[in-house]
N, C-alpha and C. Protein backbone atom coordinates (compact mmCIF):
# COMPACT_ATOMS: atom_id res chain seq x y z
N PRO A 1 3.05 57.01 -67.05
CA PRO A 1 2.62 56.74 -65.65
C PRO A 1 3.22 55.66 -64.95
N ARG A 2 3.05 55.72 -63.89
CA ARG A 2 3.59 54.80 -62.67
C ARG A 2 2.69 54.15 -62.56
N ARG A 3 3.19 52.42 -62.03
CA ARG A 3 1.93 51.53 -61.55
C ARG A 3 2.69 50.84 -60.15
N ALA A 4 1.57 50.09 -59.77
CA ALA A 4 2.13 49.40 -58.57
C ALA A 4 2.09 48.14 -58.54
N ALA A 5 2.95 47.39 -58.22
CA ALA A 5 2.67 45.67 -58.22
C ALA A 5 1.50 45.25 -57.46
N GLU A 6 1.14 44.17 -57.82
CA GLU A 6 -0.12 43.82 -57.22
C GLU A 6 0.16 43.10 -55.93
N THR A 7 -0.39 43.34 -54.79
CA THR A 7 -0.23 42.78 -53.70
C THR A 7 -0.48 41.60 -53.71
N ALA A 8 -1.60 41.12 -54.09
CA ALA A 8 -2.37 39.79 -54.33
C ALA A 8 -2.23 39.08 -55.66
N PRO A 9 -2.24 37.82 -55.65
CA PRO A 9 -2.40 37.25 -56.96
C PRO A 9 -3.28 37.82 -58.08
N ASP A 10 -2.96 38.40 -58.97
CA ASP A 10 -3.87 39.23 -59.91
C ASP A 10 -4.71 40.31 -59.38
N MET A 11 -4.68 40.48 -57.71
CA MET A 11 -5.39 41.55 -57.38
C MET A 11 -6.82 41.45 -57.57
N GLN A 12 -7.19 39.98 -57.43
CA GLN A 12 -8.81 39.66 -57.72
C GLN A 12 -9.51 39.04 -56.44
N THR A 13 -8.98 38.06 -55.94
CA THR A 13 -9.76 37.84 -54.62
C THR A 13 -8.80 37.18 -53.58
N VAL A 14 -8.79 37.64 -52.39
CA VAL A 14 -7.87 37.26 -51.00
C VAL A 14 -8.69 36.50 -50.30
N THR A 15 -8.28 35.68 -49.98
CA THR A 15 -9.38 34.70 -48.84
C THR A 15 -8.75 35.09 -47.55
N HIS A 16 -9.41 35.44 -46.59
CA HIS A 16 -8.96 35.73 -44.73
C HIS A 16 -9.79 35.35 -43.94
N LYS A 17 -9.31 35.01 -42.66
CA LYS A 17 -10.16 34.69 -41.65
C LYS A 17 -10.35 35.99 -40.80
N ARG A 18 -11.59 35.96 -40.42
CA ARG A 18 -12.01 37.32 -39.53
C ARG A 18 -11.18 37.00 -38.24
N GLY A 19 -10.79 38.25 -37.79
CA GLY A 19 -9.94 38.42 -36.57
C GLY A 19 -8.34 38.33 -36.88
N ASP A 20 -8.18 37.47 -37.84
CA ASP A 20 -6.53 37.56 -38.18
C ASP A 20 -5.94 39.11 -38.72
N THR A 21 -4.65 39.19 -38.38
CA THR A 21 -4.22 40.34 -38.62
C THR A 21 -4.23 40.52 -40.27
N PHE A 22 -4.41 41.50 -40.78
CA PHE A 22 -4.63 41.44 -42.56
C PHE A 22 -3.59 42.57 -42.88
N ILE A 23 -2.37 41.69 -43.45
CA ILE A 23 -1.12 42.41 -43.72
C ILE A 23 -0.84 42.04 -45.13
N PRO A 24 -1.29 42.57 -46.18
CA PRO A 24 -0.54 42.56 -47.38
C PRO A 24 0.53 43.11 -47.72
N ARG A 25 1.55 42.69 -48.61
CA ARG A 25 2.76 43.72 -48.94
C ARG A 25 2.74 43.80 -50.27
N GLY A 26 3.44 44.94 -50.84
CA GLY A 26 3.32 45.32 -52.04
C GLY A 26 4.47 45.92 -52.46
N THR A 27 4.87 46.16 -53.95
CA THR A 27 6.11 46.82 -54.47
C THR A 27 6.04 47.83 -55.14
N TYR A 28 6.09 49.25 -55.23
CA TYR A 28 5.71 49.93 -56.20
C TYR A 28 6.73 50.40 -57.15
N LEU A 29 6.25 49.84 -58.39
CA LEU A 29 7.17 49.61 -59.65
C LEU A 29 6.91 51.03 -60.69
N ASN A 30 7.98 51.42 -61.51
CA ASN A 30 7.73 52.66 -62.08
C ASN A 30 7.38 52.16 -63.64
N SER A 31 6.95 52.73 -64.63
CA SER A 31 6.38 52.58 -65.58
C SER A 31 7.32 51.45 -66.48
N ALA A 32 8.48 51.26 -66.23
CA ALA A 32 9.59 50.49 -66.66
C ALA A 32 9.43 49.07 -65.98
N GLY A 33 8.87 48.87 -65.06
CA GLY A 33 8.56 47.73 -64.05
C GLY A 33 9.80 47.69 -63.17
N VAL A 34 10.16 48.60 -62.60
CA VAL A 34 11.48 48.44 -61.59
C VAL A 34 11.12 49.18 -60.46
N ALA A 35 11.40 48.37 -59.40
CA ALA A 35 10.73 48.87 -57.98
C ALA A 35 11.43 50.05 -57.75
N THR A 36 10.70 50.99 -57.35
CA THR A 36 11.18 52.53 -57.02
C THR A 36 10.79 53.02 -55.86
N ASP A 37 11.78 54.06 -55.16
CA ASP A 37 11.34 54.46 -53.84
C ASP A 37 10.18 55.49 -54.21
N TYR A 38 8.93 55.19 -53.77
CA TYR A 38 7.73 56.01 -54.09
C TYR A 38 8.09 57.16 -53.12
N ALA A 39 8.39 57.18 -51.93
CA ALA A 39 8.67 58.24 -50.88
C ALA A 39 9.37 59.42 -51.71
N ALA A 40 10.56 58.78 -52.22
CA ALA A 40 11.20 60.02 -52.76
C ALA A 40 10.80 60.52 -53.97
N LEU A 41 9.75 60.06 -54.57
CA LEU A 41 8.98 60.62 -55.80
C LEU A 41 7.60 61.53 -55.15
N GLY A 42 7.60 61.32 -53.88
CA GLY A 42 6.17 62.22 -53.38
C GLY A 42 5.18 61.89 -53.16
N ILE A 43 5.09 60.38 -53.59
CA ILE A 43 4.03 59.17 -53.33
C ILE A 43 3.77 58.90 -52.05
N THR A 44 2.28 59.09 -51.81
CA THR A 44 1.83 58.44 -50.52
C THR A 44 0.93 57.48 -50.88
N ILE A 45 0.81 56.50 -50.05
CA ILE A 45 -0.27 55.16 -50.12
C ILE A 45 -1.31 55.42 -49.36
N LYS A 46 -2.49 54.97 -49.83
CA LYS A 46 -3.79 54.81 -48.96
C LYS A 46 -4.17 53.54 -49.57
N SER A 47 -5.06 52.88 -48.30
CA SER A 47 -5.63 51.91 -48.80
C SER A 47 -6.91 51.52 -47.92
N GLN A 48 -8.02 50.93 -48.31
CA GLN A 48 -9.28 51.21 -47.53
C GLN A 48 -9.95 49.47 -47.72
N VAL A 49 -10.57 48.94 -46.77
CA VAL A 49 -11.58 48.13 -46.99
C VAL A 49 -12.70 48.34 -46.83
N ARG A 50 -14.02 48.00 -47.79
CA ARG A 50 -15.50 48.53 -48.03
C ARG A 50 -16.18 47.33 -48.02
N THR A 51 -17.48 47.42 -47.72
CA THR A 51 -18.43 46.63 -47.90
C THR A 51 -18.79 46.44 -49.12
N GLN A 52 -19.73 45.61 -49.63
CA GLN A 52 -20.30 45.61 -51.15
C GLN A 52 -21.24 46.91 -51.14
N SER A 53 -21.46 47.46 -49.93
CA SER A 53 -22.46 48.46 -50.28
C SER A 53 -21.96 49.76 -50.35
N ASN A 54 -20.38 49.77 -50.30
CA ASN A 54 -19.30 50.62 -50.24
C ASN A 54 -19.26 51.42 -48.74
N ASP A 55 -19.42 50.73 -47.62
CA ASP A 55 -19.36 51.29 -46.35
C ASP A 55 -18.05 51.11 -46.00
N LEU A 56 -17.33 52.10 -45.16
CA LEU A 56 -15.86 51.86 -45.00
C LEU A 56 -15.82 51.07 -43.67
N LEU A 57 -14.94 50.07 -43.96
CA LEU A 57 -14.90 49.20 -42.69
C LEU A 57 -13.63 49.45 -42.11
N ASP A 58 -12.55 50.03 -42.83
CA ASP A 58 -11.14 50.13 -42.21
C ASP A 58 -10.21 50.66 -43.28
N THR A 59 -9.30 51.61 -42.84
CA THR A 59 -8.42 52.27 -43.51
C THR A 59 -7.11 51.74 -42.97
N LEU A 60 -6.23 51.03 -43.70
CA LEU A 60 -5.25 50.35 -43.31
C LEU A 60 -3.95 51.43 -42.92
N THR A 61 -3.40 50.71 -42.07
CA THR A 61 -2.00 51.65 -41.71
C THR A 61 -0.87 51.04 -42.96
N VAL A 62 -0.41 52.27 -43.21
CA VAL A 62 0.82 52.15 -44.43
C VAL A 62 2.01 52.43 -44.05
N THR A 63 2.84 51.32 -44.15
CA THR A 63 4.36 51.56 -43.59
C THR A 63 5.47 51.00 -44.94
N ALA A 64 6.51 51.91 -44.75
CA ALA A 64 7.42 51.52 -45.72
C ALA A 64 8.10 49.73 -45.48
N GLY A 65 8.27 48.95 -46.14
CA GLY A 65 8.89 47.71 -46.43
C GLY A 65 10.35 47.88 -46.27
N PRO A 66 10.99 46.60 -46.35
CA PRO A 66 12.30 46.52 -46.35
C PRO A 66 13.20 46.94 -47.35
N GLY A 67 12.62 46.79 -48.58
CA GLY A 67 13.37 46.91 -49.68
C GLY A 67 13.11 48.36 -50.61
N VAL A 68 13.51 48.46 -51.70
CA VAL A 68 13.27 49.38 -52.63
C VAL A 68 11.89 49.40 -52.87
N GLY A 69 11.01 50.22 -52.77
CA GLY A 69 9.59 50.43 -53.21
C GLY A 69 8.51 49.72 -52.73
N GLU A 70 9.36 48.86 -51.44
CA GLU A 70 8.24 48.05 -50.84
C GLU A 70 7.24 48.65 -49.52
N PHE A 71 6.07 48.09 -49.49
CA PHE A 71 5.48 48.60 -48.45
C PHE A 71 4.55 47.56 -47.85
N VAL A 72 3.90 47.74 -46.71
CA VAL A 72 3.19 46.84 -45.92
C VAL A 72 1.94 47.70 -45.50
N LEU A 73 0.95 46.88 -45.53
CA LEU A 73 -0.63 47.22 -45.62
C LEU A 73 -1.04 46.56 -44.03
N GLU A 74 -1.60 47.34 -43.15
CA GLU A 74 -1.85 46.37 -42.11
C GLU A 74 -3.38 46.88 -41.45
N SER A 75 -3.99 45.80 -40.95
CA SER A 75 -5.20 46.18 -39.88
C SER A 75 -4.96 45.21 -38.98
N HIS A 76 -5.56 45.51 -37.63
CA HIS A 76 -5.60 44.73 -36.54
C HIS A 76 -6.98 44.35 -36.21
N ALA A 77 -7.95 45.37 -37.01
CA ALA A 77 -9.28 45.32 -36.70
C ALA A 77 -10.22 44.40 -37.28
N THR A 78 -9.84 43.29 -38.08
CA THR A 78 -10.79 42.23 -38.96
C THR A 78 -11.47 41.72 -38.09
N GLN A 79 -11.93 41.57 -36.44
CA GLN A 79 -12.70 40.97 -35.64
C GLN A 79 -14.14 41.83 -36.06
N ASN A 80 -13.88 43.03 -36.55
CA ASN A 80 -15.19 43.88 -36.56
C ASN A 80 -15.86 43.75 -38.26
N TRP A 81 -14.95 42.96 -38.88
CA TRP A 81 -15.26 42.95 -40.42
C TRP A 81 -16.43 41.98 -40.55
N PRO A 82 -17.42 42.18 -41.36
CA PRO A 82 -18.73 41.12 -41.60
C PRO A 82 -17.86 40.04 -42.68
N LEU A 83 -18.77 39.06 -42.35
CA LEU A 83 -18.19 37.92 -43.15
C LEU A 83 -18.94 38.14 -44.22
N GLY A 84 -17.88 37.01 -45.47
CA GLY A 84 -18.82 37.58 -46.90
C GLY A 84 -17.51 38.25 -47.57
N THR A 85 -17.88 38.81 -48.78
CA THR A 85 -17.17 39.47 -49.66
C THR A 85 -17.05 41.01 -49.39
N LEU A 86 -15.85 41.44 -49.56
CA LEU A 86 -15.52 42.83 -49.03
C LEU A 86 -14.58 43.39 -50.36
N TRP A 87 -14.32 44.51 -50.36
CA TRP A 87 -13.67 45.25 -51.50
C TRP A 87 -12.63 45.97 -50.76
N TRP A 88 -11.37 45.73 -51.59
CA TRP A 88 -10.09 46.43 -51.35
C TRP A 88 -9.34 47.05 -52.24
N ASP A 89 -8.70 48.13 -52.48
CA ASP A 89 -7.64 48.57 -53.43
C ASP A 89 -6.79 49.44 -52.88
N ILE A 90 -5.76 49.88 -53.47
CA ILE A 90 -4.56 50.77 -52.67
C ILE A 90 -4.42 51.77 -54.05
N GLN A 91 -4.42 53.02 -53.11
CA GLN A 91 -4.35 54.29 -54.07
C GLN A 91 -2.97 54.73 -53.78
N PHE A 92 -2.56 55.36 -54.81
CA PHE A 92 -1.18 56.09 -54.84
C PHE A 92 -1.57 57.78 -55.30
N VAL A 93 -1.14 58.49 -54.41
CA VAL A 93 -1.26 60.05 -54.89
C VAL A 93 0.19 60.89 -54.86
N GLN A 94 0.40 61.14 -56.03
CA GLN A 94 1.28 62.20 -56.32
C GLN A 94 0.59 63.68 -56.49
N GLY A 95 1.13 64.47 -55.83
CA GLY A 95 0.56 65.61 -55.93
C GLY A 95 -1.13 65.88 -56.40
N SER A 96 -1.24 66.23 -57.54
CA SER A 96 -2.89 66.07 -57.66
C SER A 96 -3.19 64.99 -58.67
N HIS A 97 -2.18 64.10 -58.80
CA HIS A 97 -2.43 62.84 -59.53
C HIS A 97 -2.83 61.85 -58.76
N VAL A 98 -4.03 60.74 -58.90
CA VAL A 98 -4.27 59.89 -57.96
C VAL A 98 -4.35 58.50 -59.14
N PHE A 99 -3.97 57.44 -58.89
CA PHE A 99 -3.87 56.33 -59.34
C PHE A 99 -3.87 55.02 -58.53
N SER A 100 -4.89 54.01 -58.88
CA SER A 100 -5.09 53.12 -58.00
C SER A 100 -5.02 51.59 -58.67
N THR A 101 -4.93 50.65 -57.85
CA THR A 101 -4.75 49.25 -58.27
C THR A 101 -5.94 48.86 -58.66
N LYS A 102 -6.55 47.50 -59.34
CA LYS A 102 -7.59 47.21 -59.46
C LYS A 102 -8.24 46.85 -57.99
N THR A 103 -9.52 46.96 -58.01
CA THR A 103 -10.15 46.23 -56.96
C THR A 103 -10.19 44.92 -56.95
N ALA A 104 -9.74 44.80 -55.54
CA ALA A 104 -9.87 42.94 -55.38
C ALA A 104 -10.78 43.08 -53.93
N ALA A 105 -11.40 41.60 -54.15
CA ALA A 105 -12.16 40.75 -53.47
C ALA A 105 -11.60 40.27 -52.13
N ILE A 106 -12.01 40.41 -50.93
CA ILE A 106 -11.48 39.68 -49.87
C ILE A 106 -12.80 38.86 -49.52
N LEU A 107 -12.37 37.48 -49.50
CA LEU A 107 -13.62 36.55 -49.03
C LEU A 107 -13.08 36.50 -47.66
N LEU A 108 -14.14 36.76 -46.86
CA LEU A 108 -13.56 36.96 -45.15
C LEU A 108 -14.14 35.95 -44.74
N GLU A 109 -13.50 34.83 -44.06
CA GLU A 109 -14.25 33.69 -43.65
C GLU A 109 -14.50 33.46 -42.04
N ALA A 110 -15.15 32.81 -41.33
CA ALA A 110 -15.24 32.42 -39.74
C ALA A 110 -13.74 32.06 -39.32
N ASP A 111 -13.39 32.50 -38.41
CA ASP A 111 -11.99 31.93 -37.64
C ASP A 111 -12.55 30.75 -36.65
N VAL A 112 -11.95 29.78 -36.96
CA VAL A 112 -12.48 28.46 -36.38
C VAL A 112 -11.76 28.50 -34.89
N THR A 113 -10.44 28.71 -34.81
CA THR A 113 -9.61 28.76 -33.36
C THR A 113 -10.09 30.40 -33.00
N VAL A 114 -10.60 30.56 -31.75
CA VAL A 114 -10.50 31.93 -31.33
C VAL A 114 -9.99 32.22 -30.10
């Protein structure tokens, strides 16, 4: 099976300020660890942010990045996200096959300058 590069160190915890644009980037890697054009393989990418009680906060916009296999996830709506720990992952869909990254925690902090 194929796998995806992690978009944050160890895909475990990302610290983010509420109100700032959330814009992680990643690279799709094949099973040999080589950056691969996911669109040419018919793979679509989805990503969501949820609360600890699994309530959907945001579905991230996914766009192709500048390099082979690169993608950019984005949300401009983080001002509506609650402070504290949120959950996030990236899902890859190829036909009837679905595979996801590890779930990451987003530690959402208050923004001092608004």
